[in-house]
Amino acid sequence: MLTACGKPHDVYAAACPCRDMLDLLANKWSALALGALEAGPQRFGVLRARLEGISPKVLTATLRRLEEHGLIERTVYPAVPLHVEYSLTPLGADACQPLAALRTWVVANIDRFPAPPVLA
């Protein structure tokens, strides 16, 4: 792909906008949130329960970043209390394919990695 100035994108170049997207997608919480949304639209509480160990603050920030970059959409339903659901956009669904392959590879190969050192 070419940039506006006619040059190809180069993820290794410091100023390439691809770096921001790589940073977003390589984040564990982003990758896991997108994977969790593959099952369909979900509410915040369901996502938080699925992503064990994530704090509400980090989940909120992660969902906002994913929404800002067009990977998910947030739908608010008028109710008391408000009913909010998050779902994948077509772009987000496309991003899920390589992320799913990475998650599958990690699960299949985790036992091949050396054990992390024990800190004293």
C-alpha atoms as a PDB file:
ATOM      1  CA  MET A   1       0.000   0.000   0.000  1.00  0.00           C
ATOM      2  CA  LEU A   2       1.130   3.525  -0.735  1.00  0.00           C
ATOM      3  CA  THR A   3       0.987   6.508   1.582  1.00  0.00           C
ATOM      4  CA  ALA A   4      -0.438   9.901   0.573  1.00  0.00           C
ATOM      5  CA  CYS A   5       3.022  10.918  -0.646  1.00  0.00           C
ATOM      6  CA  GLY A   6       3.313   7.874  -2.918  1.00  0.00           C
ATOM      7  CA  LYS A   7       5.729   5.887  -0.753  1.00  0.00           C
ATOM      8  CA  PRO A   8       4.902   2.381   0.486  1.00  0.00           C
ATOM      9  CA  HIS A   9       4.074   1.890   4.154  1.00  0.00           C
ATOM     10  CA  ASP A  10       7.056   0.562   6.101  1.00  0.00           C
ATOM     11  CA  VAL A  11       6.310  -0.727   9.590  1.00  0.00           C
ATOM     12  CA  TYR A  12      10.033  -0.507  10.359  1.00  0.00           C
ATOM     13  CA  ALA A  13      10.095   3.254   9.691  1.00  0.00           C
ATOM     14  CA  ALA A  14       9.683   5.351  12.840  1.00  0.00           C
ATOM     15  CA  ALA A  15       7.047   7.660  11.329  1.00  0.00           C
ATOM     16  CA  CYS A  16       4.937   4.941   9.713  1.00  0.00           C
ATOM     17  CA  PRO A  17       1.319   4.978  10.975  1.00  0.00           C
ATOM     18  CA  CYS A  18       1.412   1.178  10.862  1.00  0.00           C
ATOM     19  CA  ARG A  19       3.377   1.286  14.108  1.00  0.00           C
ATOM     20  CA  ASP A  20       0.430   2.686  16.069  1.00  0.00           C
ATOM     21  CA  MET A  21      -1.848  -0.049  14.770  1.00  0.00           C
ATOM     22  CA  LEU A  22       0.763  -2.727  15.491  1.00  0.00           C
ATOM     23  CA  ASP A  23       1.105  -1.359  19.018  1.00  0.00           C
ATOM     24  CA  LEU A  24      -2.667  -1.523  19.502  1.00  0.00           C
ATOM     25  CA  LEU A  25      -3.089  -5.053  18.116  1.00  0.00           C
ATOM     26  CA  ALA A  26       0.020  -6.478  19.803  1.00  0.00           C
ATOM     27  CA  ASN A  27      -1.333  -5.422  23.209  1.00  0.00           C
ATOM     28  CA  LYS A  28      -2.554  -8.521  25.061  1.00  0.00           C
ATOM     29  CA  TRP A  29      -5.764  -6.902  26.279  1.00  0.00           C
ATOM     30  CA  SER A  30      -6.660  -5.642  22.801  1.00  0.00           C
ATOM     31  CA  ALA A  31      -5.999  -9.052  21.263  1.00  0.00           C
ATOM     32  CA  LEU A  32      -8.035 -10.808  23.952  1.00  0.00           C
ATOM     33  CA  ALA A  33     -10.931  -8.310  23.820  1.00  0.00           C
ATOM     34  CA  LEU A  34     -11.197  -8.706  20.048  1.00  0.00           C
ATOM     35  CA  GLY A  35     -11.101 -12.487  20.433  1.00  0.00           C
ATOM     36  CA  ALA A  36     -13.831 -12.403  23.080  1.00  0.00           C
ATOM     37  CA  LEU A  37     -16.033 -10.315  20.772  1.00  0.00           C
ATOM     38  CA  GLU A  38     -15.815 -12.949  18.044  1.00  0.00           C
ATOM     39  CA  ALA A  39     -18.653 -14.708  19.895  1.00  0.00           C
ATOM     40  CA  GLY A  40     -20.914 -11.719  19.196  1.00  0.00           C
ATOM     41  CA  PRO A  41     -21.914  -8.445  20.845  1.00  0.00           C
ATOM     42  CA  GLN A  42     -21.216  -8.335  24.561  1.00  0.00           C
ATOM     43  CA  ARG A  43     -21.735  -6.063  27.515  1.00  0.00           C
ATOM     44  CA  PHE A  44     -18.889  -4.617  29.569  1.00  0.00           C
ATOM     45  CA  GLY A  45     -19.464  -6.962  32.519  1.00  0.00           C
ATOM     46  CA  VAL A  46     -19.399 -10.053  30.312  1.00  0.00           C
ATOM     47  CA  LEU A  47     -16.153  -8.914  28.685  1.00  0.00           C
ATOM     48  CA  ARG A  48     -14.611  -8.163  32.075  1.00  0.00           C
ATOM     49  CA  ALA A  49     -15.528 -11.639  33.347  1.00  0.00           C
ATOM     50  CA  ARG A  50     -14.143 -13.274  30.185  1.00  0.00           C
ATOM     51  CA  LEU A  51     -10.849 -11.351  30.339  1.00  0.00           C
ATOM     52  CA  GLU A  52      -9.764 -12.583  33.746  1.00  0.00           C
ATOM     53  CA  GLY A  53      -7.338 -10.244  35.476  1.00  0.00           C
ATOM     54  CA  ILE A  54      -8.249  -7.044  33.619  1.00  0.00           C
ATOM     55  CA  SER A  55      -9.257  -4.044  35.715  1.00  0.00           C
ATOM     56  CA  PRO A  56     -12.326  -1.996  34.799  1.00  0.00           C
ATOM     57  CA  LYS A  57     -10.055   0.994  34.087  1.00  0.00           C
ATOM     58  CA  VAL A  58      -7.843  -0.947  31.672  1.00  0.00           C
ATOM     59  CA  LEU A  59     -10.833  -2.570  29.956  1.00  0.00           C
ATOM     60  CA  THR A  60     -12.470   0.833  29.485  1.00  0.00           C
ATOM     61  CA  ALA A  61      -9.267   2.287  28.008  1.00  0.00           C
ATOM     62  CA  THR A  62      -8.798  -0.747  25.752  1.00  0.00           C
ATOM     63  CA  LEU A  63     -12.357  -0.618  24.434  1.00  0.00           C
ATOM     64  CA  ARG A  64     -12.052   3.118  23.783  1.00  0.00           C
ATOM     65  CA  ARG A  65      -8.851   2.660  21.783  1.00  0.00           C
ATOM     66  CA  LEU A  66     -10.364  -0.180  19.768  1.00  0.00           C
ATOM     67  CA  GLU A  67     -13.423   1.960  19.051  1.00  0.00           C
ATOM     68  CA  GLU A  68     -11.314   5.010  18.097  1.00  0.00           C
ATOM     69  CA  HIS A  69      -9.448   2.885  15.566  1.00  0.00           C
ATOM     70  CA  GLY A  70     -12.623   1.458  14.039  1.00  0.00           C
ATOM     71  CA  LEU A  71     -12.165  -2.124  15.248  1.00  0.00           C
ATOM     72  CA  ILE A  72     -15.228  -2.256  17.491  1.00  0.00           C
ATOM     73  CA  GLU A  73     -18.413  -0.303  17.867  1.00  0.00           C
ATOM     74  CA  ARG A  74     -20.233   0.695  21.011  1.00  0.00           C
ATOM     75  CA  THR A  75     -24.028   0.660  20.931  1.00  0.00           C
ATOM     76  CA  VAL A  76     -26.051   2.314  23.683  1.00  0.00           C
ATOM     77  CA  TYR A  77     -29.625   1.106  24.166  1.00  0.00           C
ATOM     78  CA  PRO A  78     -32.013   3.434  25.999  1.00  0.00           C
ATOM     79  CA  ALA A  79     -32.940   1.674  29.205  1.00  0.00           C
ATOM     80  CA  VAL A  80     -32.634   2.222  32.933  1.00  0.00           C
ATOM     81  CA  PRO A  81     -29.829   1.593  33.583  1.00  0.00           C
ATOM     82  CA  LEU A  82     -28.258   2.145  30.163  1.00  0.00           C
ATOM     83  CA  HIS A  83     -27.573  -1.019  28.206  1.00  0.00           C
ATOM     84  CA  VAL A  84     -24.263  -0.811  26.309  1.00  0.00           C
ATOM     85  CA  GLU A  85     -22.926  -3.487  23.978  1.00  0.00           C
ATOM     86  CA  TYR A  86     -19.638  -3.792  22.156  1.00  0.00           C
ATOM     87  CA  SER A  87     -19.304  -5.586  18.835  1.00  0.00           C
ATOM     88  CA  LEU A  88     -16.753  -6.095  16.097  1.00  0.00           C
ATOM     89  CA  THR A  89     -16.766  -3.945  12.988  1.00  0.00           C
ATOM     90  CA  PRO A  90     -15.837  -5.601   9.670  1.00  0.00           C
ATOM     91  CA  LEU A  91     -12.299  -4.258  10.171  1.00  0.00           C
ATOM     92  CA  GLY A  92     -12.195  -5.760  13.669  1.00  0.00           C
ATOM     93  CA  ALA A  93     -13.430  -9.109  12.361  1.00  0.00           C
ATOM     94  CA  ASP A  94     -10.617  -9.039   9.791  1.00  0.00           C
ATOM     95  CA  ALA A  95      -8.068  -8.335  12.549  1.00  0.00           C
ATOM     96  CA  CYS A  96      -9.368 -11.327  14.519  1.00  0.00           C
ATOM     97  CA  GLN A  97      -8.134 -13.826  11.946  1.00  0.00           C
ATOM     98  CA  PRO A  98      -4.375 -13.341  12.450  1.00  0.00           C
ATOM     99  CA  LEU A  99      -4.856 -12.760  16.183  1.00  0.00           C
ATOM    100  CA  ALA A 100      -6.732 -16.071  16.490  1.00  0.00           C
ATOM    101  CA  ALA A 101      -3.876 -17.808  14.693  1.00  0.00           C
ATOM    102  CA  LEU A 102      -1.400 -16.263  17.137  1.00  0.00           C
ATOM    103  CA  ARG A 103      -3.479 -17.303  20.181  1.00  0.00           C
ATOM    104  CA  THR A 104      -3.775 -20.841  18.804  1.00  0.00           C
ATOM    105  CA  TRP A 105      -0.025 -21.013  18.186  1.00  0.00           C
ATOM    106  CA  VAL A 106       0.754 -19.781  21.715  1.00  0.00           C
ATOM    107  CA  VAL A 107      -1.560 -22.353  23.317  1.00  0.00           C
ATOM    108  CA  ALA A 108      -0.106 -25.167  21.181  1.00  0.00           C
ATOM    109  CA  ASN A 109       3.509 -24.182  21.927  1.00  0.00           C
ATOM    110  CA  ILE A 110       3.484 -22.741  25.453  1.00  0.00           C
ATOM    111  CA  ASP A 111       5.113 -25.869  26.912  1.00  0.00           C
ATOM    112  CA  ARG A 112       8.054 -25.508  24.513  1.00  0.00           C
ATOM    113  CA  PHE A 113       9.159 -22.218  26.066  1.00  0.00           C
ATOM    114  CA  PRO A 114      11.716 -22.256  28.870  1.00  0.00           C
ATOM    115  CA  ALA A 115      10.303 -21.579  32.316  1.00  0.00           C
ATOM    116  CA  PRO A 116      10.723 -17.949  33.379  1.00  0.00           C
ATOM    117  CA  PRO A 117      13.448 -17.403  35.974  1.00  0.00           C
ATOM    118  CA  VAL A 118      12.381 -17.370  39.605  1.00  0.00           C
ATOM    119  CA  LEU A 119      13.237 -14.056  41.214  1.00  0.00           C
ATOM    120  CA  ALA A 120      14.605 -14.278  44.727  1.00  0.00           C
END
